């Protein structure tokens, strides 16, 4: 029972970001206004502006797209850069670009005749 309580306490501390070195970046594509307020230089009004921008224009494609939100300039963007993310899978595909191996990974199983990046050793002669 004691081990279970310790495990639950550790999980809670990790989730809240209270563990040393466990500060996770805030996903600007999924965060609520309340979660965004925790970011440096972001108050309730700016947090709501980020959420409103996301609702109006769709998910952010890059972290730098935050610059499109009214009131987020170069200085504020530099303060936020290390504390925000757009999500791991989106970031990998956006960074890799279209038509790359990272882009093809999420495309599902290959159909007969599909050509994927990296080729298929079974069909090479």
PDB file of N, CA and C in Angstrom:
ATOM      1  N   UNK A   1       0.825  -1.193   0.000  1.00  0.00           N
ATOM      2  CA  UNK A   1       0.000   0.000   0.000  1.00  0.00           C
ATOM      3  C   UNK A   1       0.870   1.258   0.000  1.00  0.00           C
ATOM      4  N   UNK A   2       1.943   1.222   0.790  1.00  0.00           N
ATOM      5  CA  UNK A   2       2.842   2.368   0.868  1.00  0.00           C
ATOM      6  C   UNK A   2       3.502   2.630  -0.476  1.00  0.00           C
ATOM      7  N   UNK A   3       3.893   1.574  -1.176  1.00  0.00           N
ATOM      8  CA  UNK A   3       4.507   1.740  -2.494  1.00  0.00           C
ATOM      9  C   UNK A   3       3.536   2.383  -3.467  1.00  0.00           C
ATOM     10  N   UNK A   4       2.283   1.993  -3.375  1.00  0.00           N
ATOM     11  CA  UNK A   4       1.266   2.560  -4.245  1.00  0.00           C
ATOM     12  C   UNK A   4       1.103   4.057  -3.990  1.00  0.00           C
ATOM     13  N   UNK A   5       1.076   4.448  -2.732  1.00  0.00           N
ATOM     14  CA  UNK A   5       0.951   5.866  -2.400  1.00  0.00           C
ATOM     15  C   UNK A   5       2.148   6.666  -2.893  1.00  0.00           C
ATOM     16  N   UNK A   6       3.357   6.122  -2.733  1.00  0.00           N
ATOM     17  CA  UNK A   6       4.553   6.800  -3.224  1.00  0.00           C
ATOM     18  C   UNK A   6       4.517   6.927  -4.741  1.00  0.00           C
ATOM     19  N   UNK A   7       4.068   5.885  -5.424  1.00  0.00           N
ATOM     20  CA  UNK A   7       3.980   5.927  -6.885  1.00  0.00           C
ATOM     21  C   UNK A   7       2.979   6.984  -7.333  1.00  0.00           C
ATOM     22  N   UNK A   8       1.851   7.062  -6.652  1.00  0.00           N
ATOM     23  CA  UNK A   8       0.855   8.075  -6.980  1.00  0.00           C
ATOM     24  C   UNK A   8       1.379   9.485  -6.712  1.00  0.00           C
ATOM     25  N   UNK A   9       2.084   9.659  -5.598  1.00  0.00           N
ATOM     26  CA  UNK A   9       2.660  10.968  -5.276  1.00  0.00           C
ATOM     27  C   UNK A   9       3.690  11.374  -6.317  1.00  0.00           C
ATOM     28  N   UNK A  10       4.530  10.445  -6.729  1.00  0.00           N
ATOM     29  CA  UNK A  10       5.534  10.730  -7.745  1.00  0.00           C
ATOM     30  C   UNK A  10       4.877  11.097  -9.072  1.00  0.00           C
ATOM     31  N   UNK A  11       3.836  10.368  -9.446  1.00  0.00           N
ATOM     32  CA  UNK A  11       3.119  10.664 -10.685  1.00  0.00           C
ATOM     33  C   UNK A  11       2.504  12.059 -10.638  1.00  0.00           C
ATOM     34  N   UNK A  12       1.949  12.428  -9.496  1.00  0.00           N
ATOM     35  CA  UNK A  12       1.345  13.749  -9.339  1.00  0.00           C
ATOM     36  C   UNK A  12       2.395  14.847  -9.440  1.00  0.00           C
ATOM     37  N   UNK A  13       3.506  14.665  -8.763  1.00  0.00           N
ATOM     38  CA  UNK A  13       4.590  15.650  -8.799  1.00  0.00           C
ATOM     39  C   UNK A  13       5.110  15.809 -10.223  1.00  0.00           C
ATOM     40  N   UNK A  14       5.273  14.706 -10.944  1.00  0.00           N
ATOM     41  CA  UNK A  14       5.758  14.756 -12.319  1.00  0.00           C
ATOM     42  C   UNK A  14       4.759  15.477 -13.215  1.00  0.00           C
ATOM     43  N   UNK A  15       3.473  15.179 -13.056  1.00  0.00           N
ATOM     44  CA  UNK A  15       2.439  15.818 -13.867  1.00  0.00           C
ATOM     45  C   UNK A  15       2.378  17.321 -13.630  1.00  0.00           C
ATOM     46  N   UNK A  16       2.576  17.730 -12.407  1.00  0.00           N
ATOM     47  CA  UNK A  16       2.511  19.149 -12.079  1.00  0.00           C
ATOM     48  C   UNK A  16       3.799  19.885 -12.414  1.00  0.00           C
ATOM     49  N   UNK A  17       4.813  19.141 -12.821  1.00  0.00           N
ATOM     50  CA  UNK A  17       6.071  19.766 -13.198  1.00  0.00           C
ATOM     51  C   UNK A  17       6.868  20.242 -12.004  1.00  0.00           C
ATOM     52  N   UNK A  18       6.659  19.633 -10.843  1.00  0.00           N
ATOM     53  CA  UNK A  18       7.359  20.050  -9.643  1.00  0.00           C
ATOM     54  C   UNK A  18       8.675  19.320  -9.446  1.00  0.00           C
ATOM     55  N   UNK A  19       8.875  18.235 -10.179  1.00  0.00           N
ATOM     56  CA  UNK A  19      10.125  17.497 -10.046  1.00  0.00           C
ATOM     57  C   UNK A  19      11.244  18.276 -10.711  1.00  0.00           C
ATOM     58  N   UNK A  20      12.446  18.252 -10.133  1.00  0.00           N
ATOM     59  CA  UNK A  20      13.560  18.983 -10.733  1.00  0.00           C
ATOM     60  C   UNK A  20      13.830  18.507 -12.150  1.00  0.00           C
ATOM     61  N   UNK A  21      13.968  19.452 -13.081  1.00  0.00           N
ATOM     62  CA  UNK A  21      14.261  19.114 -14.465  1.00  0.00           C
ATOM     63  C   UNK A  21      13.077  18.544 -15.223  1.00  0.00           C
ATOM     64  N   UNK A  22      11.894  18.554 -14.624  1.00  0.00           N
ATOM     65  CA  UNK A  22      10.739  17.949 -15.272  1.00  0.00           C
ATOM     66  C   UNK A  22       9.825  18.982 -15.910  1.00  0.00           C
ATOM     67  N   UNK A  23      10.320  20.199 -16.086  1.00  0.00           N
ATOM     68  CA  UNK A  23       9.498  21.246 -16.684  1.00  0.00           C
ATOM     69  C   UNK A  23       9.233  20.909 -18.144  1.00  0.00           C
ATOM     70  N   UNK A  24       7.993  20.586 -18.444  1.00  0.00           N
ATOM     71  CA  UNK A  24       7.621  20.225 -19.802  1.00  0.00           C
ATOM     72  C   UNK A  24       7.134  21.464 -20.543  1.00  0.00           C
ATOM     73  N   UNK A  25       7.384  21.481 -21.829  1.00  0.00           N
ATOM     74  CA  UNK A  25       6.922  22.584 -22.659  1.00  0.00           C
ATOM     75  C   UNK A  25       5.407  22.507 -22.790  1.00  0.00           C
ATOM     76  N   UNK A  26       4.777  23.648 -22.893  1.00  0.00           N
ATOM     77  CA  UNK A  26       3.329  23.738 -23.047  1.00  0.00           C
ATOM     78  C   UNK A  26       2.995  23.618 -24.532  1.00  0.00           C
ATOM     79  N   UNK A  27       2.094  22.713 -24.863  1.00  0.00           N
ATOM     80  CA  UNK A  27       1.673  22.533 -26.245  1.00  0.00           C
ATOM     81  C   UNK A  27       0.666  23.630 -26.586  1.00  0.00           C
ATOM     82  N   UNK A  28       1.071  24.559 -27.435  1.00  0.00           N
ATOM     83  CA  UNK A  28       0.211  25.700 -27.761  1.00  0.00           C
ATOM     84  C   UNK A  28      -0.980  25.306 -28.630  1.00  0.00           C
ATOM     85  N   UNK A  29      -0.981  24.086 -29.142  1.00  0.00           N
ATOM     86  CA  UNK A  29      -2.112  23.622 -29.933  1.00  0.00           C
ATOM     87  C   UNK A  29      -3.196  22.958 -29.096  1.00  0.00           C
ATOM     88  N   UNK A  30      -2.890  22.640 -27.843  1.00  0.00           N
ATOM     89  CA  UNK A  30      -3.880  21.961 -27.001  1.00  0.00           C
ATOM     90  C   UNK A  30      -4.108  22.653 -25.667  1.00  0.00           C
ATOM     91  N   UNK A  31      -3.233  23.582 -25.298  1.00  0.00           N
ATOM     92  CA  UNK A  31      -3.313  24.211 -23.975  1.00  0.00           C
ATOM     93  C   UNK A  31      -4.541  25.106 -23.848  1.00  0.00           C
ATOM     94  N   UNK A  32      -5.096  25.115 -22.642  1.00  0.00           N
ATOM     95  CA  UNK A  32      -6.184  26.037 -22.324  1.00  0.00           C
ATOM     96  C   UNK A  32      -5.583  27.390 -21.967  1.00  0.00           C
ATOM     97  N   UNK A  33      -6.427  28.398 -21.878  1.00  0.00           N
ATOM     98  CA  UNK A  33      -5.958  29.723 -21.476  1.00  0.00           C
ATOM     99  C   UNK A  33      -5.331  29.669 -20.092  1.00  0.00           C
ATOM    100  N   UNK A  34      -5.885  28.859 -19.212  1.00  0.00           N
ATOM    101  CA  UNK A  34      -5.352  28.723 -17.858  1.00  0.00           C
ATOM    102  C   UNK A  34      -3.942  28.135 -17.876  1.00  0.00           C
ATOM    103  N   UNK A  35      -3.696  27.188 -18.747  1.00  0.00           N
ATOM    104  CA  UNK A  35      -2.363  26.593 -18.860  1.00  0.00           C
ATOM    105  C   UNK A  35      -1.369  27.565 -19.489  1.00  0.00           C
ATOM    106  N   UNK A  36      -1.825  28.366 -20.422  1.00  0.00           N
ATOM    107  CA  UNK A  36      -0.947  29.327 -21.095  1.00  0.00           C
ATOM    108  C   UNK A  36      -0.497  30.455 -20.171  1.00  0.00           C
ATOM    109  N   UNK A  37      -1.305  30.783 -19.171  1.00  0.00           N
ATOM    110  CA  UNK A  37      -0.964  31.847 -18.227  1.00  0.00           C
ATOM    111  C   UNK A  37       0.319  31.520 -17.460  1.00  0.00           C
ATOM    112  N   UNK A  38       0.637  30.247 -17.338  1.00  0.00           N
ATOM    113  CA  UNK A  38       1.848  29.837 -16.617  1.00  0.00           C
ATOM    114  C   UNK A  38       3.125  30.183 -17.381  1.00  0.00           C
ATOM    115  N   UNK A  39       3.011  30.536 -18.640  1.00  0.00           N
ATOM    116  CA  UNK A  39       4.181  30.866 -19.449  1.00  0.00           C
ATOM    117  C   UNK A  39       4.720  32.245 -19.092  1.00  0.00           C
ATOM    118  N   UNK A  40       6.031  32.459 -19.237  1.00  0.00           N
ATOM    119  CA  UNK A  40       6.613  33.772 -18.913  1.00  0.00           C
ATOM    120  C   UNK A  40       6.103  34.857 -19.856  1.00  0.00           C
ATOM    121  N   UNK A  41       5.626  35.933 -19.265  1.00  0.00           N
ATOM    122  CA  UNK A  41       5.156  37.064 -20.068  1.00  0.00           C
ATOM    123  C   UNK A  41       3.773  36.897 -20.659  1.00  0.00           C
ATOM    124  N   UNK A  42       3.036  35.864 -20.242  1.00  0.00           N
ATOM    125  CA  UNK A  42       1.686  35.635 -20.762  1.00  0.00           C
ATOM    126  C   UNK A  42       0.695  35.766 -19.618  1.00  0.00           C
ATOM    127  N   UNK A  43      -0.157  36.769 -19.720  1.00  0.00           N
ATOM    128  CA  UNK A  43      -1.212  36.956 -18.742  1.00  0.00           C
ATOM    129  C   UNK A  43      -2.520  36.418 -19.281  1.00  0.00           C
ATOM    130  N   UNK A  44      -3.602  36.631 -18.556  1.00  0.00           N
ATOM    131  CA  UNK A  44      -4.905  36.102 -18.979  1.00  0.00           C
ATOM    132  C   UNK A  44      -5.378  36.622 -20.340  1.00  0.00           C
ATOM    133  N   UNK A  45      -5.108  37.892 -20.615  1.00  0.00           N
ATOM    134  CA  UNK A  45      -5.564  38.476 -21.892  1.00  0.00           C
ATOM    135  C   UNK A  45      -4.784  37.875 -23.062  1.00  0.00           C
ATOM    136  N   UNK A  46      -3.466  37.781 -22.914  1.00  0.00           N
ATOM    137  CA  UNK A  46      -2.628  37.225 -23.990  1.00  0.00           C
ATOM    138  C   UNK A  46      -2.921  35.739 -24.173  1.00  0.00           C
ATOM    139  N   UNK A  47      -3.148  35.018 -23.068  1.00  0.00           N
ATOM    140  CA  UNK A  47      -3.472  33.596 -23.154  1.00  0.00           C
ATOM    141  C   UNK A  47      -4.775  33.398 -23.938  1.00  0.00           C
ATOM    142  N   UNK A  48      -5.761  34.224 -23.668  1.00  0.00           N
ATOM    143  CA  UNK A  48      -7.027  34.120 -24.395  1.00  0.00           C
ATOM    144  C   UNK A  48      -6.841  34.482 -25.862  1.00  0.00           C
ATOM    145  N   UNK A  49      -5.961  35.436 -26.153  1.00  0.00           N
ATOM    146  CA  UNK A  49      -5.680  35.813 -27.546  1.00  0.00           C
ATOM    147  C   UNK A  49      -5.060  34.631 -28.302  1.00  0.00           C
ATOM    148  N   UNK A  50      -4.198  33.867 -27.631  1.00  0.00           N
ATOM    149  CA  UNK A  50      -3.588  32.689 -28.260  1.00  0.00           C
ATOM    150  C   UNK A  50      -4.655  31.643 -28.570  1.00  0.00           C
ATOM    151  N   UNK A  51      -5.522  31.390 -27.605  1.00  0.00           N
ATOM    152  CA  UNK A  51      -6.602  30.417 -27.808  1.00  0.00           C
ATOM    153  C   UNK A  51      -7.545  30.881 -28.925  1.00  0.00           C
ATOM    154  N   UNK A  52      -7.900  32.157 -28.924  1.00  0.00           N
ATOM    155  CA  UNK A  52      -8.790  32.698 -29.960  1.00  0.00           C
ATOM    156  C   UNK A  52      -8.157  32.602 -31.350  1.00  0.00           C
ATOM    157  N   UNK A  53      -6.856  32.909 -31.430  1.00  0.00           N
ATOM    158  CA  UNK A  53      -6.156  32.818 -32.712  1.00  0.00           C
ATOM    159  C   UNK A  53      -6.177  31.377 -33.217  1.00  0.00           C
ATOM    160  N   UNK A  54      -5.914  30.435 -32.310  1.00  0.00           N
ATOM    161  CA  UNK A  54      -5.901  29.016 -32.680  1.00  0.00           C
ATOM    162  C   UNK A  54      -7.269  28.560 -33.172  1.00  0.00           C
ATOM    163  N   UNK A  55      -8.333  29.032 -32.512  1.00  0.00           N
ATOM    164  CA  UNK A  55      -9.692  28.663 -32.938  1.00  0.00           C
ATOM    165  C   UNK A  55     -10.014  29.234 -34.309  1.00  0.00           C
ATOM    166  N   UNK A  56      -9.557  30.453 -34.577  1.00  0.00           N
ATOM    167  CA  UNK A  56      -9.865  31.125 -35.840  1.00  0.00           C
ATOM    168  C   UNK A  56      -9.023  30.614 -37.008  1.00  0.00           C
ATOM    169  N   UNK A  57      -7.760  30.240 -36.750  1.00  0.00           N
ATOM    170  CA  UNK A  57      -6.837  29.908 -37.830  1.00  0.00           C
ATOM    171  C   UNK A  57      -6.382  28.463 -37.854  1.00  0.00           C
ATOM    172  N   UNK A  58      -6.822  27.648 -36.907  1.00  0.00           N
ATOM    173  CA  UNK A  58      -6.386  26.260 -36.853  1.00  0.00           C
ATOM    174  C   UNK A  58      -5.109  26.117 -36.053  1.00  0.00           C
ATOM    175  N   UNK A  59      -4.598  24.897 -35.941  1.00  0.00           N
ATOM    176  CA  UNK A  59      -3.420  24.660 -35.111  1.00  0.00           C
ATOM    177  C   UNK A  59      -2.181  25.381 -35.642  1.00  0.00           C
ATOM    178  N   UNK A  60      -1.302  25.723 -34.718  1.00  0.00           N
ATOM    179  CA  UNK A  60      -0.040  26.341 -35.082  1.00  0.00           C
ATOM    180  C   UNK A  60       0.819  25.295 -35.781  1.00  0.00           C
ATOM    181  N   UNK A  61       1.460  25.672 -36.875  1.00  0.00           N
ATOM    182  CA  UNK A  61       2.330  24.746 -37.597  1.00  0.00           C
ATOM    183  C   UNK A  61       3.747  24.776 -37.052  1.00  0.00           C
ATOM    184  N   UNK A  62       4.165  25.927 -36.551  1.00  0.00           N
ATOM    185  CA  UNK A  62       5.477  26.064 -35.910  1.00  0.00           C
ATOM    186  C   UNK A  62       5.309  26.925 -34.670  1.00  0.00           C
ATOM    187  N   UNK A  63       6.267  26.852 -33.772  1.00  0.00           N
ATOM    188  CA  UNK A  63       6.253  27.686 -32.576  1.00  0.00           C
ATOM    189  C   UNK A  63       6.303  29.159 -32.986  1.00  0.00           C
ATOM    190  N   UNK A  64       7.041  29.463 -34.038  1.00  0.00           N
ATOM    191  CA  UNK A  64       7.179  30.847 -34.494  1.00  0.00           C
ATOM    192  C   UNK A  64       5.863  31.442 -34.985  1.00  0.00           C
ATOM    193  N   UNK A  65       4.869  30.616 -35.264  1.00  0.00           N
ATOM    194  CA  UNK A  65       3.553  31.132 -35.657  1.00  0.00           C
ATOM    195  C   UNK A  65       2.898  31.933 -34.540  1.00  0.00           C
ATOM    196  N   UNK A  66       3.389  31.793 -33.308  1.00  0.00           N
ATOM    197  CA  UNK A  66       2.878  32.614 -32.202  1.00  0.00           C
ATOM    198  C   UNK A  66       3.059  34.099 -32.501  1.00  0.00           C
ATOM    199  N   UNK A  67       4.030  34.437 -33.336  1.00  0.00           N
ATOM    200  CA  UNK A  67       4.275  35.834 -33.698  1.00  0.00           C
ATOM    201  C   UNK A  67       3.064  36.439 -34.414  1.00  0.00           C
ATOM    202  N   UNK A  68       2.200  35.601 -34.962  1.00  0.00           N
ATOM    203  CA  UNK A  68       1.002  36.090 -35.650  1.00  0.00           C
ATOM    204  C   UNK A  68      -0.085  36.540 -34.679  1.00  0.00           C
ATOM    205  N   UNK A  69       0.046  36.178 -33.403  1.00  0.00           N
ATOM    206  CA  UNK A  69      -0.924  36.580 -32.383  1.00  0.00           C
ATOM    207  C   UNK A  69      -0.616  38.021 -31.999  1.00  0.00           C
ATOM    208  N   UNK A  70      -1.636  38.856 -32.036  1.00  0.00           N
ATOM    209  CA  UNK A  70      -1.451  40.266 -31.719  1.00  0.00           C
ATOM    210  C   UNK A  70      -0.843  40.421 -30.319  1.00  0.00           C
ATOM    211  N   UNK A  71       0.235  41.194 -30.244  1.00  0.00           N
ATOM    212  CA  UNK A  71       0.875  41.463 -28.968  1.00  0.00           C
ATOM    213  C   UNK A  71       2.066  40.560 -28.667  1.00  0.00           C
ATOM    214  N   UNK A  72       2.334  39.584 -29.530  1.00  0.00           N
ATOM    215  CA  UNK A  72       3.515  38.743 -29.324  1.00  0.00           C
ATOM    216  C   UNK A  72       4.552  39.157 -30.357  1.00  0.00           C
ATOM    217  N   UNK A  73       5.541  39.874 -29.874  1.00  0.00           N
ATOM    218  CA  UNK A  73       6.614  40.357 -30.739  1.00  0.00           C
ATOM    219  C   UNK A  73       7.865  39.520 -30.569  1.00  0.00           C
ATOM    220  N   UNK A  74       8.955  40.013 -31.111  1.00  0.00           N
ATOM    221  CA  UNK A  74      10.217  39.276 -31.100  1.00  0.00           C
ATOM    222  C   UNK A  74      10.722  39.024 -29.681  1.00  0.00           C
ATOM    223  N   UNK A  75      10.653  40.017 -28.812  1.00  0.00           N
ATOM    224  CA  UNK A  75      11.157  39.849 -27.445  1.00  0.00           C
ATOM    225  C   UNK A  75      10.355  38.811 -26.677  1.00  0.00           C
ATOM    226  N   UNK A  76       9.038  38.905 -26.745  1.00  0.00           N
ATOM    227  CA  UNK A  76       8.200  37.939 -26.033  1.00  0.00           C
ATOM    228  C   UNK A  76       8.373  36.547 -26.621  1.00  0.00           C
ATOM    229  N   UNK A  77       8.528  36.476 -27.932  1.00  0.00           N
ATOM    230  CA  UNK A  77       8.717  35.180 -28.583  1.00  0.00           C
ATOM    231  C   UNK A  77       9.989  34.510 -28.089  1.00  0.00           C
ATOM    232  N   UNK A  78      11.057  35.255 -27.923  1.00  0.00           N
ATOM    233  CA  UNK A  78      12.305  34.679 -27.429  1.00  0.00           C
ATOM    234  C   UNK A  78      12.165  34.164 -25.997  1.00  0.00           C
ATOM    235  N   UNK A  79      11.357  34.856 -25.178  1.00  0.00           N
ATOM    236  CA  UNK A  79      11.111  34.390 -23.813  1.00  0.00           C
ATOM    237  C   UNK A  79      10.304  33.088 -23.809  1.00  0.00           C
ATOM    238  N   UNK A  80       9.420  32.943 -24.778  1.00  0.00           N
ATOM    239  CA  UNK A  80       8.524  31.783 -24.830  1.00  0.00           C
ATOM    240  C   UNK A  80       9.121  30.570 -25.541  1.00  0.00           C
ATOM    241  N   UNK A  81      10.050  30.791 -26.434  1.00  0.00           N
ATOM    242  CA  UNK A  81      10.528  29.748 -27.347  1.00  0.00           C
ATOM    243  C   UNK A  81      10.857  28.416 -26.667  1.00  0.00           C
ATOM    244  N   UNK A  82      11.556  28.435 -25.551  1.00  0.00           N
ATOM    245  CA  UNK A  82      11.960  27.179 -24.892  1.00  0.00           C
ATOM    246  C   UNK A  82      10.869  26.574 -24.024  1.00  0.00           C
ATOM    247  N   UNK A  83       9.772  27.288 -23.840  1.00  0.00           N
ATOM    248  CA  UNK A  83       8.709  26.813 -22.955  1.00  0.00           C
ATOM    249  C   UNK A  83       7.470  26.327 -23.695  1.00  0.00           C
ATOM    250  N   UNK A  84       7.474  26.412 -25.027  1.00  0.00           N
ATOM    251  CA  UNK A  84       6.299  26.008 -25.800  1.00  0.00           C
ATOM    252  C   UNK A  84       6.674  24.989 -26.866  1.00  0.00           C
ATOM    253  N   UNK A  85       5.676  24.232 -27.276  1.00  0.00           N
ATOM    254  CA  UNK A  85       5.839  23.250 -28.338  1.00  0.00           C
ATOM    255  C   UNK A  85       4.542  23.177 -29.129  1.00  0.00           C
ATOM    256  N   UNK A  86       4.601  22.570 -30.300  1.00  0.00           N
ATOM    257  CA  UNK A  86       3.380  22.337 -31.073  1.00  0.00           C
ATOM    258  C   UNK A  86       3.012  20.864 -31.049  1.00  0.00           C
ATOM    259  N   UNK A  87       3.778  20.068 -30.325  1.00  0.00           N
ATOM    260  CA  UNK A  87       3.537  18.630 -30.233  1.00  0.00           C
ATOM    261  C   UNK A  87       4.627  17.873 -30.964  1.00  0.00           C
ATOM    262  N   UNK A  88       5.025  16.747 -30.433  1.00  0.00           N
ATOM    263  CA  UNK A  88       6.168  15.994 -30.955  1.00  0.00           C
ATOM    264  C   UNK A  88       5.960  15.498 -32.378  1.00  0.00           C
ATOM    265  N   UNK A  89       4.832  14.866 -32.653  1.00  0.00           N
ATOM    266  CA  UNK A  89       4.650  14.288 -33.985  1.00  0.00           C
ATOM    267  C   UNK A  89       4.537  15.370 -35.038  1.00  0.00           C
ATOM    268  N   UNK A  90       3.831  16.457 -34.736  1.00  0.00           N
ATOM    269  CA  UNK A  90       3.718  17.555 -35.697  1.00  0.00           C
ATOM    270  C   UNK A  90       5.060  18.218 -35.919  1.00  0.00           C
ATOM    271  N   UNK A  91       5.834  18.381 -34.859  1.00  0.00           N
ATOM    272  CA  UNK A  91       7.126  19.037 -34.980  1.00  0.00           C
ATOM    273  C   UNK A  91       8.060  18.217 -35.851  1.00  0.00           C
ATOM    274  N   UNK A  92       8.034  16.893 -35.708  1.00  0.00           N
ATOM    275  CA  UNK A  92       8.920  16.034 -36.493  1.00  0.00           C
ATOM    276  C   UNK A  92       8.569  16.131 -37.971  1.00  0.00           C
ATOM    277  N   UNK A  93       7.294  16.077 -38.312  1.00  0.00           N
ATOM    278  CA  UNK A  93       6.881  16.135 -39.707  1.00  0.00           C
ATOM    279  C   UNK A  93       7.139  17.524 -40.280  1.00  0.00           C
ATOM    280  N   UNK A  94       6.850  18.581 -39.517  1.00  0.00           N
ATOM    281  CA  UNK A  94       7.074  19.938 -40.002  1.00  0.00           C
ATOM    282  C   UNK A  94       8.550  20.187 -40.249  1.00  0.00           C
ATOM    283  N   UNK A  95       9.409  19.697 -39.361  1.00  0.00           N
ATOM    284  CA  UNK A  95      10.840  19.907 -39.502  1.00  0.00           C
ATOM    285  C   UNK A  95      11.399  19.096 -40.667  1.00  0.00           C
ATOM    286  N   UNK A  96      10.867  17.905 -40.878  1.00  0.00           N
ATOM    287  CA  UNK A  96      11.385  17.035 -41.924  1.00  0.00           C
ATOM    288  C   UNK A  96      10.943  17.491 -43.308  1.00  0.00           C
ATOM    289  N   UNK A  97       9.756  18.068 -43.391  1.00  0.00           N
ATOM    290  CA  UNK A  97       9.252  18.524 -44.677  1.00  0.00           C
ATOM    291  C   UNK A  97       8.471  17.435 -45.381  1.00  0.00           C
ATOM    292  N   UNK A  98       7.701  17.818 -46.387  1.00  0.00           N
ATOM    293  CA  UNK A  98       6.875  16.855 -47.112  1.00  0.00           C
ATOM    294  C   UNK A  98       7.722  15.903 -47.944  1.00  0.00           C
ATOM    295  N   UNK A  99       7.248  14.666 -48.058  1.00  0.00           N
ATOM    296  CA  UNK A  99       7.907  13.682 -48.894  1.00  0.00           C
ATOM    297  C   UNK A  99       9.103  13.009 -48.250  1.00  0.00           C
ATOM    298  N   UNK A 100       9.364  13.279 -46.986  1.00  0.00           N
ATOM    299  CA  UNK A 100      10.495  12.653 -46.318  1.00  0.00           C
ATOM    300  C   UNK A 100      10.035  11.435 -45.556  1.00  0.00           C
ATOM    301  N   UNK A 101      11.001  10.688 -45.025  1.00  0.00           N
ATOM    302  CA  UNK A 101      10.677   9.486 -44.279  1.00  0.00           C
ATOM    303  C   UNK A 101       9.762   9.781 -43.096  1.00  0.00           C
ATOM    304  N   UNK A 102      10.020  10.895 -42.370  1.00  0.00           N
ATOM    305  CA  UNK A 102       9.180  11.252 -41.228  1.00  0.00           C
ATOM    306  C   UNK A 102       7.760  11.538 -41.682  1.00  0.00           C
ATOM    307  N   UNK A 103       7.620  12.120 -42.880  1.00  0.00           N
ATOM    308  CA  UNK A 103       6.303  12.424 -43.415  1.00  0.00           C
ATOM    309  C   UNK A 103       5.574  11.143 -43.796  1.00  0.00           C
ATOM    310  N   UNK A 104       6.282  10.155 -44.330  1.00  0.00           N
ATOM    311  CA  UNK A 104       5.659   8.920 -44.796  1.00  0.00           C
ATOM    312  C   UNK A 104       5.294   7.992 -43.650  1.00  0.00           C
ATOM    313  N   UNK A 105       5.941   8.145 -42.490  1.00  0.00           N
ATOM    314  CA  UNK A 105       5.696   7.243 -41.364  1.00  0.00           C
ATOM    315  C   UNK A 105       4.238   7.180 -40.973  1.00  0.00           C
ATOM    316  N   UNK A 106       3.562   8.307 -40.934  1.00  0.00           N
ATOM    317  CA  UNK A 106       2.183   8.320 -40.484  1.00  0.00           C
ATOM    318  C   UNK A 106       1.191   8.040 -41.585  1.00  0.00           C
ATOM    319  N   UNK A 107       1.659   7.701 -42.769  1.00  0.00           N
ATOM    320  CA  UNK A 107       0.769   7.551 -43.911  1.00  0.00           C
ATOM    321  C   UNK A 107       0.061   6.211 -43.956  1.00  0.00           C
ATOM    322  N   UNK A 108       0.377   5.289 -43.048  1.00  0.00           N
ATOM    323  CA  UNK A 108      -0.281   4.004 -43.026  1.00  0.00           C
ATOM    324  C   UNK A 108       0.453   2.988 -43.880  1.00  0.00           C
ATOM    325  N   UNK A 109      -0.107   1.790 -44.002  1.00  0.00           N
ATOM    326  CA  UNK A 109       0.574   0.738 -44.743  1.00  0.00           C
ATOM    327  C   UNK A 109       0.650   1.063 -46.233  1.00  0.00           C
ATOM    328  N   UNK A 110       1.719   0.625 -46.854  1.00  0.00           N
ATOM    329  CA  UNK A 110       1.906   0.883 -48.280  1.00  0.00           C
ATOM    330  C   UNK A 110       0.993  -0.032 -49.086  1.00  0.00           C
ATOM    331  N   UNK A 111       0.399   0.533 -50.100  1.00  0.00           N
ATOM    332  CA  UNK A 111      -0.405  -0.262 -51.017  1.00  0.00           C
ATOM    333  C   UNK A 111       0.521  -0.800 -52.103  1.00  0.00           C
ATOM    334  N   UNK A 112       0.064  -1.810 -52.833  1.00  0.00           N
ATOM    335  CA  UNK A 112       0.878  -2.389 -53.891  1.00  0.00           C
ATOM    336  C   UNK A 112       1.220  -1.297 -54.900  1.00  0.00           C
ATOM    337  N   UNK A 113       2.501  -1.165 -55.185  1.00  0.00           N
ATOM    338  CA  UNK A 113       2.955  -0.168 -56.149  1.00  0.00           C
ATOM    339  C   UNK A 113       3.362   1.149 -55.522  1.00  0.00           C
ATOM    340  N   UNK A 114       3.080   1.347 -54.215  1.00  0.00           N
ATOM    341  CA  UNK A 114       3.504   2.581 -53.545  1.00  0.00           C
ATOM    342  C   UNK A 114       5.024   2.639 -53.464  1.00  0.00           C
ATOM    343  N   UNK A 115       5.548   3.803 -53.632  1.00  0.00           N
ATOM    344  CA  UNK A 115       6.980   4.007 -53.472  1.00  0.00           C
ATOM    345  C   UNK A 115       7.166   4.860 -52.240  1.00  0.00           C
ATOM    346  N   UNK A 116       7.947   4.369 -51.285  1.00  0.00           N
ATOM    347  CA  UNK A 116       8.212   5.086 -50.042  1.00  0.00           C
ATOM    348  C   UNK A 116       9.660   5.516 -50.014  1.00  0.00           C
ATOM    349  N   UNK A 117       9.945   6.569 -49.256  1.00  0.00           N
ATOM    350  CA  UNK A 117      11.317   7.033 -49.086  1.00  0.00           C
ATOM    351  C   UNK A 117      12.166   5.903 -48.524  1.00  0.00           C
ATOM    352  N   UNK A 118      13.356   5.747 -49.039  1.00  0.00           N
ATOM    353  CA  UNK A 118      14.241   4.700 -48.546  1.00  0.00           C
ATOM    354  C   UNK A 118      14.131   3.411 -49.344  1.00  0.00           C
ATOM    355  N   UNK A 119      13.128   3.297 -50.180  1.00  0.00           N
ATOM    356  CA  UNK A 119      12.966   2.107 -51.030  1.00  0.00           C
ATOM    357  C   UNK A 119      12.624   0.867 -50.247  1.00  0.00           C
ATOM    358  N   UNK A 120      12.476  -0.230 -50.935  1.00  0.00           N
ATOM    359  CA  UNK A 120      12.151  -1.514 -50.346  1.00  0.00           C
ATOM    360  C   UNK A 120      13.178  -2.525 -50.823  1.00  0.00           C
ATOM    361  N   UNK A 121      13.947  -3.074 -49.914  1.00  0.00           N
ATOM    362  CA  UNK A 121      15.028  -3.997 -50.258  1.00  0.00           C
ATOM    363  C   UNK A 121      14.516  -5.254 -50.962  1.00  0.00           C
ATOM    364  N   UNK A 122      13.251  -5.612 -50.698  1.00  0.00           N
ATOM    365  CA  UNK A 122      12.710  -6.841 -51.303  1.00  0.00           C
ATOM    366  C   UNK A 122      12.502  -6.693 -52.801  1.00  0.00           C
ATOM    367  N   UNK A 123      12.265  -5.455 -53.274  1.00  0.00           N
ATOM    368  CA  UNK A 123      11.998  -5.257 -54.694  1.00  0.00           C
ATOM    369  C   UNK A 123      13.236  -4.834 -55.456  1.00  0.00           C
ATOM    370  N   UNK A 124      14.314  -4.486 -54.766  1.00  0.00           N
ATOM    371  CA  UNK A 124      15.550  -4.045 -55.426  1.00  0.00           C
ATOM    372  C   UNK A 124      16.257  -5.270 -56.014  1.00  0.00           C
ATOM    373  N   UNK A 125      16.819  -5.122 -57.220  1.00  0.00           N
ATOM    374  CA  UNK A 125      17.529  -6.230 -57.865  1.00  0.00           C
ATOM    375  C   UNK A 125      18.928  -5.833 -58.188  1.00  0.00           C
TER     376      UNK A 125
END
